[in-house]
Amino acid sequence: MRDKCILPFLITERLEFFQLTQADLPELEILLGDPEIMYAWEHGFTKIESQAWLNENLRRYSSDGYSYWAVRKKMMAVLLG
């Protein structure tokens, strides 16, 4: 579950966009581990690959100023897949 202290940086009528955090790892492992969701990568990720993917994206926030975002429907605590 996402830490409610993290504020969204983009809000639409239905969605909120956030930078990912380490707290998102349990949900990311589920999403990234699902081969149907990850069809563009042609496979689901293992837990180790999911942690590495998250670490790379956290690094990119710092070095590049952007990366993938967490998205949720307003008033929901779970990430959308």
PDB file of N, CA and C in Angstrom:
ATOM      1  N   MET A   1       0.840  -1.190   0.000  1.00  0.00           N
ATOM      2  CA  MET A   1       0.000   0.000   0.000  1.00  0.00           C
ATOM      3  C   MET A   1       0.877   1.243   0.000  1.00  0.00           C
ATOM      4  N   ARG A   2       0.532   2.189  -0.785  1.00  0.00           N
ATOM      5  CA  ARG A   2       1.281   3.429  -0.942  1.00  0.00           C
ATOM      6  C   ARG A   2       1.214   4.270   0.329  1.00  0.00           C
ATOM      7  N   ASP A   3       2.342   4.868   0.678  1.00  0.00           N
ATOM      8  CA  ASP A   3       2.419   5.784   1.809  1.00  0.00           C
ATOM      9  C   ASP A   3       1.590   7.025   1.503  1.00  0.00           C
ATOM     10  N   LYS A   4       0.631   7.323   2.335  1.00  0.00           N
ATOM     11  CA  LYS A   4      -0.261   8.456   2.078  1.00  0.00           C
ATOM     12  C   LYS A   4       0.448   9.797   2.201  1.00  0.00           C
ATOM     13  N   CYS A   5       1.688   9.816   2.701  1.00  0.00           N
ATOM     14  CA  CYS A   5       2.443  11.063   2.803  1.00  0.00           C
ATOM     15  C   CYS A   5       3.013  11.488   1.455  1.00  0.00           C
ATOM     16  N   ILE A   6       3.131  10.566   0.519  1.00  0.00           N
ATOM     17  CA  ILE A   6       3.669  10.881  -0.795  1.00  0.00           C
ATOM     18  C   ILE A   6       2.568  11.564  -1.602  1.00  0.00           C
ATOM     19  N   LEU A   7       2.809  12.804  -1.991  1.00  0.00           N
ATOM     20  CA  LEU A   7       1.810  13.555  -2.740  1.00  0.00           C
ATOM     21  C   LEU A   7       1.914  13.266  -4.230  1.00  0.00           C
ATOM     22  N   PRO A   8       0.792  13.206  -4.923  1.00  0.00           N
ATOM     23  CA  PRO A   8       0.833  13.014  -6.374  1.00  0.00           C
ATOM     24  C   PRO A   8       1.431  14.246  -7.046  1.00  0.00           C
ATOM     25  N   PHE A   9       2.116  14.038  -8.185  1.00  0.00           N
ATOM     26  CA  PHE A   9       2.649  15.189  -8.904  1.00  0.00           C
ATOM     27  C   PHE A   9       1.803  15.533 -10.123  1.00  0.00           C
ATOM     28  N   LEU A  10       0.831  14.688 -10.432  1.00  0.00           N
ATOM     29  CA  LEU A  10      -0.106  14.967 -11.513  1.00  0.00           C
ATOM     30  C   LEU A  10      -1.443  14.348 -11.131  1.00  0.00           C
ATOM     31  N   ILE A  11      -2.496  15.129 -11.255  1.00  0.00           N
ATOM     32  CA  ILE A  11      -3.833  14.655 -10.923  1.00  0.00           C
ATOM     33  C   ILE A  11      -4.760  14.976 -12.087  1.00  0.00           C
ATOM     34  N   THR A  12      -5.507  13.963 -12.521  1.00  0.00           N
ATOM     35  CA  THR A  12      -6.530  14.173 -13.540  1.00  0.00           C
ATOM     36  C   THR A  12      -7.895  13.981 -12.867  1.00  0.00           C
ATOM     37  N   GLU A  13      -8.923  14.001 -13.650  1.00  0.00           N
ATOM     38  CA  GLU A  13     -10.264  13.819 -13.102  1.00  0.00           C
ATOM     39  C   GLU A  13     -10.411  12.478 -12.379  1.00  0.00           C
ATOM     40  N   ARG A  14      -9.752  11.439 -12.909  1.00  0.00           N
ATOM     41  CA  ARG A  14      -9.909  10.093 -12.346  1.00  0.00           C
ATOM     42  C   ARG A  14      -8.645   9.504 -11.747  1.00  0.00           C
ATOM     43  N   LEU A  15      -7.459  10.007 -12.120  1.00  0.00           N
ATOM     44  CA  LEU A  15      -6.208   9.347 -11.767  1.00  0.00           C
ATOM     45  C   LEU A  15      -5.253  10.265 -11.017  1.00  0.00           C
ATOM     46  N   GLU A  16      -4.352   9.630 -10.248  1.00  0.00           N
ATOM     47  CA  GLU A  16      -3.262  10.333  -9.581  1.00  0.00           C
ATOM     48  C   GLU A  16      -1.955   9.645  -9.972  1.00  0.00           C
ATOM     49  N   PHE A  17      -0.923  10.428 -10.291  1.00  0.00           N
ATOM     50  CA  PHE A  17       0.372   9.914 -10.713  1.00  0.00           C
ATOM     51  C   PHE A  17       1.417  10.263  -9.657  1.00  0.00           C
ATOM     52  N   PHE A  18       2.247   9.277  -9.307  1.00  0.00           N
ATOM     53  CA  PHE A  18       3.255   9.423  -8.266  1.00  0.00           C
ATOM     54  C   PHE A  18       4.588   8.880  -8.757  1.00  0.00           C
ATOM     55  N   GLN A  19       5.676   9.348  -8.138  1.00  0.00           N
ATOM     56  CA  GLN A  19       6.941   8.652  -8.311  1.00  0.00           C
ATOM     57  C   GLN A  19       6.869   7.370  -7.496  1.00  0.00           C
ATOM     58  N   LEU A  20       7.479   6.320  -8.015  1.00  0.00           N
ATOM     59  CA  LEU A  20       7.556   5.053  -7.292  1.00  0.00           C
ATOM     60  C   LEU A  20       8.459   5.207  -6.073  1.00  0.00           C
ATOM     61  N   THR A  21       8.225   4.399  -5.062  1.00  0.00           N
ATOM     62  CA  THR A  21       9.079   4.340  -3.872  1.00  0.00           C
ATOM     63  C   THR A  21       9.335   2.870  -3.540  1.00  0.00           C
ATOM     64  N   GLN A  22      10.269   2.630  -2.617  1.00  0.00           N
ATOM     65  CA  GLN A  22      10.533   1.259  -2.168  1.00  0.00           C
ATOM     66  C   GLN A  22       9.272   0.636  -1.566  1.00  0.00           C
ATOM     67  N   ALA A  23       8.394   1.461  -1.012  1.00  0.00           N
ATOM     68  CA  ALA A  23       7.154   0.950  -0.422  1.00  0.00           C
ATOM     69  C   ALA A  23       6.245   0.303  -1.466  1.00  0.00           C
ATOM     70  N   ASP A  24       6.461   0.608  -2.741  1.00  0.00           N
ATOM     71  CA  ASP A  24       5.650   0.044  -3.822  1.00  0.00           C
ATOM     72  C   ASP A  24       6.108  -1.346  -4.255  1.00  0.00           C
ATOM     73  N   LEU A  25       7.243  -1.809  -3.746  1.00  0.00           N
ATOM     74  CA  LEU A  25       7.809  -3.078  -4.210  1.00  0.00           C
ATOM     75  C   LEU A  25       6.848  -4.257  -4.110  1.00  0.00           C
ATOM     76  N   PRO A  26       6.136  -4.478  -2.999  1.00  0.00           N
ATOM     77  CA  PRO A  26       5.236  -5.641  -2.957  1.00  0.00           C
ATOM     78  C   PRO A  26       4.201  -5.642  -4.085  1.00  0.00           C
ATOM     79  N   GLU A  27       3.621  -4.491  -4.376  1.00  0.00           N
ATOM     80  CA  GLU A  27       2.646  -4.418  -5.473  1.00  0.00           C
ATOM     81  C   GLU A  27       3.331  -4.550  -6.826  1.00  0.00           C
ATOM     82  N   LEU A  28       4.520  -3.959  -6.959  1.00  0.00           N
ATOM     83  CA  LEU A  28       5.263  -4.078  -8.219  1.00  0.00           C
ATOM     84  C   LEU A  28       5.626  -5.521  -8.515  1.00  0.00           C
ATOM     85  N   GLU A  29       6.001  -6.280  -7.486  1.00  0.00           N
ATOM     86  CA  GLU A  29       6.337  -7.688  -7.699  1.00  0.00           C
ATOM     87  C   GLU A  29       5.161  -8.446  -8.300  1.00  0.00           C
ATOM     88  N   ILE A  30       3.957  -8.104  -7.869  1.00  0.00           N
ATOM     89  CA  ILE A  30       2.763  -8.749  -8.422  1.00  0.00           C
ATOM     90  C   ILE A  30       2.558  -8.328  -9.873  1.00  0.00           C
ATOM     91  N   LEU A  31       2.605  -7.024 -10.130  1.00  0.00           N
ATOM     92  CA  LEU A  31       2.382  -6.522 -11.490  1.00  0.00           C
ATOM     93  C   LEU A  31       3.481  -6.962 -12.451  1.00  0.00           C
ATOM     94  N   LEU A  32       4.747  -6.751 -12.040  1.00  0.00           N
ATOM     95  CA  LEU A  32       5.865  -7.097 -12.925  1.00  0.00           C
ATOM     96  C   LEU A  32       6.017  -8.605 -13.100  1.00  0.00           C
ATOM     97  N   GLY A  33       5.540  -9.380 -12.130  1.00  0.00           N
ATOM     98  CA  GLY A  33       5.638 -10.836 -12.221  1.00  0.00           C
ATOM     99  C   GLY A  33       4.577 -11.476 -13.097  1.00  0.00           C
ATOM    100  N   ASP A  34       3.594 -10.709 -13.526  1.00  0.00           N
ATOM    101  CA  ASP A  34       2.487 -11.242 -14.331  1.00  0.00           C
ATOM    102  C   ASP A  34       2.855 -11.179 -15.818  1.00  0.00           C
ATOM    103  N   PRO A  35       3.040 -12.333 -16.487  1.00  0.00           N
ATOM    104  CA  PRO A  35       3.439 -12.336 -17.896  1.00  0.00           C
ATOM    105  C   PRO A  35       2.426 -11.645 -18.814  1.00  0.00           C
ATOM    106  N   GLU A  36       1.154 -11.667 -18.453  1.00  0.00           N
ATOM    107  CA  GLU A  36       0.151 -10.996 -19.290  1.00  0.00           C
ATOM    108  C   GLU A  36       0.300  -9.483 -19.219  1.00  0.00           C
ATOM    109  N   ILE A  37       0.578  -8.961 -18.042  1.00  0.00           N
ATOM    110  CA  ILE A  37       0.810  -7.519 -17.910  1.00  0.00           C
ATOM    111  C   ILE A  37       2.120  -7.135 -18.573  1.00  0.00           C
ATOM    112  N   MET A  38       3.127  -7.977 -18.455  1.00  0.00           N
ATOM    113  CA  MET A  38       4.473  -7.670 -18.949  1.00  0.00           C
ATOM    114  C   MET A  38       4.725  -8.223 -20.355  1.00  0.00           C
ATOM    115  N   TYR A  39       3.682  -8.388 -21.141  1.00  0.00           N
ATOM    116  CA  TYR A  39       3.837  -8.970 -22.475  1.00  0.00           C
ATOM    117  C   TYR A  39       4.836  -8.213 -23.344  1.00  0.00           C
ATOM    118  N   ALA A  40       4.962  -6.914 -23.163  1.00  0.00           N
ATOM    119  CA  ALA A  40       5.908  -6.136 -23.979  1.00  0.00           C
ATOM    120  C   ALA A  40       7.353  -6.521 -23.675  1.00  0.00           C
ATOM    121  N   TRP A  41       7.615  -7.024 -22.463  1.00  0.00           N
ATOM    122  CA  TRP A  41       8.947  -7.501 -22.092  1.00  0.00           C
ATOM    123  C   TRP A  41       9.080  -8.990 -22.388  1.00  0.00           C
ATOM    124  N   GLU A  42       8.007  -9.615 -22.823  1.00  0.00           N
ATOM    125  CA  GLU A  42       7.953 -11.013 -23.218  1.00  0.00           C
ATOM    126  C   GLU A  42       8.112 -12.011 -22.076  1.00  0.00           C
ATOM    127  N   HIS A  43       8.022 -11.533 -20.834  1.00  0.00           N
ATOM    128  CA  HIS A  43       8.062 -12.428 -19.674  1.00  0.00           C
ATOM    129  C   HIS A  43       7.725 -11.641 -18.411  1.00  0.00           C
ATOM    130  N   GLY A  44       7.313 -12.366 -17.381  1.00  0.00           N
ATOM    131  CA  GLY A  44       7.153 -11.749 -16.072  1.00  0.00           C
ATOM    132  C   GLY A  44       8.502 -11.658 -15.387  1.00  0.00           C
ATOM    133  N   PHE A  45       8.612 -10.783 -14.414  1.00  0.00           N
ATOM    134  CA  PHE A  45       9.866 -10.581 -13.694  1.00  0.00           C
ATOM    135  C   PHE A  45       9.871 -11.404 -12.412  1.00  0.00           C
ATOM    136  N   THR A  46      11.047 -11.871 -12.022  1.00  0.00           N
ATOM    137  CA  THR A  46      11.223 -12.503 -10.718  1.00  0.00           C
ATOM    138  C   THR A  46      11.250 -11.401  -9.652  1.00  0.00           C
ATOM    139  N   LYS A  47      11.228 -11.786  -8.387  1.00  0.00           N
ATOM    140  CA  LYS A  47      11.316 -10.793  -7.309  1.00  0.00           C
ATOM    141  C   LYS A  47      12.630 -10.027  -7.380  1.00  0.00           C
ATOM    142  N   ILE A  48      13.712 -10.709  -7.691  1.00  0.00           N
ATOM    143  CA  ILE A  48      15.022 -10.049  -7.807  1.00  0.00           C
ATOM    144  C   ILE A  48      15.011  -9.065  -8.978  1.00  0.00           C
ATOM    145  N   GLU A  49      14.443  -9.477 -10.112  1.00  0.00           N
ATOM    146  CA  GLU A  49      14.350  -8.574 -11.270  1.00  0.00           C
ATOM    147  C   GLU A  49      13.438  -7.382 -10.973  1.00  0.00           C
ATOM    148  N   SER A  50      12.378  -7.601 -10.205  1.00  0.00           N
ATOM    149  CA  SER A  50      11.476  -6.514  -9.839  1.00  0.00           C
ATOM    150  C   SER A  50      12.203  -5.483  -8.976  1.00  0.00           C
ATOM    151  N   GLN A  51      13.004  -5.949  -8.014  1.00  0.00           N
ATOM    152  CA  GLN A  51      13.771  -5.024  -7.172  1.00  0.00           C
ATOM    153  C   GLN A  51      14.779  -4.254  -8.009  1.00  0.00           C
ATOM    154  N   ALA A  52      15.454  -4.937  -8.931  1.00  0.00           N
ATOM    155  CA  ALA A  52      16.421  -4.264  -9.805  1.00  0.00           C
ATOM    156  C   ALA A  52      15.730  -3.233 -10.692  1.00  0.00           C
ATOM    157  N   TRP A  53      14.542  -3.557 -11.209  1.00  0.00           N
ATOM    158  CA  TRP A  53      13.776  -2.635 -12.046  1.00  0.00           C
ATOM    159  C   TRP A  53      13.403  -1.388 -11.251  1.00  0.00           C
ATOM    160  N   LEU A  54      12.938  -1.594 -10.014  1.00  0.00           N
ATOM    161  CA  LEU A  54      12.584  -0.462  -9.160  1.00  0.00           C
ATOM    162  C   LEU A  54      13.822   0.374  -8.844  1.00  0.00           C
ATOM    163  N   ASN A  55      14.923  -0.271  -8.489  1.00  0.00           N
ATOM    164  CA  ASN A  55      16.153   0.466  -8.186  1.00  0.00           C
ATOM    165  C   ASN A  55      16.594   1.323  -9.371  1.00  0.00           C
ATOM    166  N   GLU A  56      16.518   0.770 -10.567  1.00  0.00           N
ATOM    167  CA  GLU A  56      16.908   1.522 -11.768  1.00  0.00           C
ATOM    168  C   GLU A  56      16.006   2.739 -11.964  1.00  0.00           C
ATOM    169  N   ASN A  57      14.725   2.581 -11.731  1.00  0.00           N
ATOM    170  CA  ASN A  57      13.811   3.706 -11.911  1.00  0.00           C
ATOM    171  C   ASN A  57      13.978   4.762 -10.825  1.00  0.00           C
ATOM    172  N   LEU A  58      14.275   4.355  -9.607  1.00  0.00           N
ATOM    173  CA  LEU A  58      14.581   5.323  -8.551  1.00  0.00           C
ATOM    174  C   LEU A  58      15.855   6.098  -8.895  1.00  0.00           C
ATOM    175  N   ARG A  59      16.852   5.400  -9.450  1.00  0.00           N
ATOM    176  CA  ARG A  59      18.084   6.054  -9.883  1.00  0.00           C
ATOM    177  C   ARG A  59      17.793   7.069 -10.979  1.00  0.00           C
ATOM    178  N   ARG A  60      16.915   6.700 -11.916  1.00  0.00           N
ATOM    179  CA  ARG A  60      16.587   7.591 -13.032  1.00  0.00           C
ATOM    180  C   ARG A  60      15.854   8.846 -12.573  1.00  0.00           C
ATOM    181  N   TYR A  61      15.044   8.752 -11.511  1.00  0.00           N
ATOM    182  CA  TYR A  61      14.421   9.967 -10.966  1.00  0.00           C
ATOM    183  C   TYR A  61      15.515  10.967 -10.586  1.00  0.00           C
ATOM    184  N   SER A  62      16.563  10.456  -9.935  1.00  0.00           N
ATOM    185  CA  SER A  62      17.651  11.329  -9.479  1.00  0.00           C
ATOM    186  C   SER A  62      18.524  11.824 -10.617  1.00  0.00           C
ATOM    187  N   SER A  63      18.926  10.921 -11.506  1.00  0.00           N
ATOM    188  CA  SER A  63      19.879  11.304 -12.548  1.00  0.00           C
ATOM    189  C   SER A  63      19.227  11.979 -13.749  1.00  0.00           C
ATOM    190  N   ASP A  64      18.045  11.519 -14.152  1.00  0.00           N
ATOM    191  CA  ASP A  64      17.401  12.039 -15.363  1.00  0.00           C
ATOM    192  C   ASP A  64      16.236  12.981 -15.063  1.00  0.00           C
ATOM    193  N   GLY A  65      15.718  12.917 -13.837  1.00  0.00           N
ATOM    194  CA  GLY A  65      14.593  13.760 -13.458  1.00  0.00           C
ATOM    195  C   GLY A  65      13.228  13.170 -13.776  1.00  0.00           C
ATOM    196  N   TYR A  66      13.207  11.959 -14.329  1.00  0.00           N
ATOM    197  CA  TYR A  66      11.940  11.310 -14.671  1.00  0.00           C
ATOM    198  C   TYR A  66      12.161   9.810 -14.830  1.00  0.00           C
ATOM    199  N   SER A  67      11.083   9.071 -14.799  1.00  0.00           N
ATOM    200  CA  SER A  67      11.074   7.636 -15.071  1.00  0.00           C
ATOM    201  C   SER A  67       9.622   7.185 -15.070  1.00  0.00           C
ATOM    202  N   TYR A  68       9.377   5.886 -14.950  1.00  0.00           N
ATOM    203  CA  TYR A  68       8.008   5.389 -14.891  1.00  0.00           C
ATOM    204  C   TYR A  68       7.311   5.944 -13.652  1.00  0.00           C
ATOM    205  N   TRP A  69       5.991   6.061 -13.724  1.00  0.00           N
ATOM    206  CA  TRP A  69       5.189   6.581 -12.626  1.00  0.00           C
ATOM    207  C   TRP A  69       4.268   5.505 -12.082  1.00  0.00           C
ATOM    208  N   ALA A  70       3.943   5.635 -10.811  1.00  0.00           N
ATOM    209  CA  ALA A  70       2.869   4.845 -10.215  1.00  0.00           C
ATOM    210  C   ALA A  70       1.567   5.574 -10.532  1.00  0.00           C
ATOM    211  N   VAL A  71       0.529   4.816 -10.864  1.00  0.00           N
ATOM    212  CA  VAL A  71      -0.775   5.411 -11.186  1.00  0.00           C
ATOM    213  C   VAL A  71      -1.835   4.704 -10.361  1.00  0.00           C
ATOM    214  N   ARG A  72      -2.730   5.481  -9.802  1.00  0.00           N
ATOM    215  CA  ARG A  72      -3.860   4.886  -9.105  1.00  0.00           C
ATOM    216  C   ARG A  72      -5.109   5.714  -9.376  1.00  0.00           C
ATOM    217  N   LYS A  73      -6.247   5.046  -9.255  1.00  0.00           N
ATOM    218  CA  LYS A  73      -7.499   5.775  -9.321  1.00  0.00           C
ATOM    219  C   LYS A  73      -7.605   6.604  -8.053  1.00  0.00           C
ATOM    220  N   LYS A  74      -8.214   7.761  -8.168  1.00  0.00           N
ATOM    221  CA  LYS A  74      -8.385   8.600  -6.979  1.00  0.00           C
ATOM    222  C   LYS A  74      -9.079   7.802  -5.890  1.00  0.00           C
ATOM    223  N   MET A  75      -8.652   8.036  -4.669  1.00  0.00           N
ATOM    224  CA  MET A  75      -9.233   7.426  -3.478  1.00  0.00           C
ATOM    225  C   MET A  75      -8.963   5.928  -3.364  1.00  0.00           C
ATOM    226  N   MET A  76      -8.053   5.383  -4.164  1.00  0.00           N
ATOM    227  CA  MET A  76      -7.663   3.976  -4.040  1.00  0.00           C
ATOM    228  C   MET A  76      -6.209   3.923  -3.593  1.00  0.00           C
ATOM    229  N   ALA A  77      -5.860   2.912  -2.852  1.00  0.00           N
ATOM    230  CA  ALA A  77      -4.503   2.806  -2.320  1.00  0.00           C
ATOM    231  C   ALA A  77      -3.616   1.884  -3.149  1.00  0.00           C
ATOM    232  N   VAL A  78      -4.148   1.183  -4.141  1.00  0.00           N
ATOM    233  CA  VAL A  78      -3.370   0.219  -4.891  1.00  0.00           C
ATOM    234  C   VAL A  78      -2.953   0.777  -6.248  1.00  0.00           C
ATOM    235  N   LEU A  79      -1.825   0.282  -6.746  1.00  0.00           N
ATOM    236  CA  LEU A  79      -1.340   0.673  -8.066  1.00  0.00           C
ATOM    237  C   LEU A  79      -2.198   0.032  -9.146  1.00  0.00           C
ATOM    238  N   LEU A  80      -2.291   0.695 -10.286  1.00  0.00           N
ATOM    239  CA  LEU A  80      -3.004   0.117 -11.424  1.00  0.00           C
ATOM    240  C   LEU A  80      -2.030  -0.633 -12.293  1.00  0.00           C
ATOM    241  N   GLY A  81      -2.465  -1.767 -12.816  1.00  0.00           N
ATOM    242  CA  GLY A  81      -1.613  -2.571 -13.677  1.00  0.00           C
ATOM    243  C   GLY A  81      -2.094  -2.536 -15.091  1.00  0.00           C
TER     244      GLY A  81
END
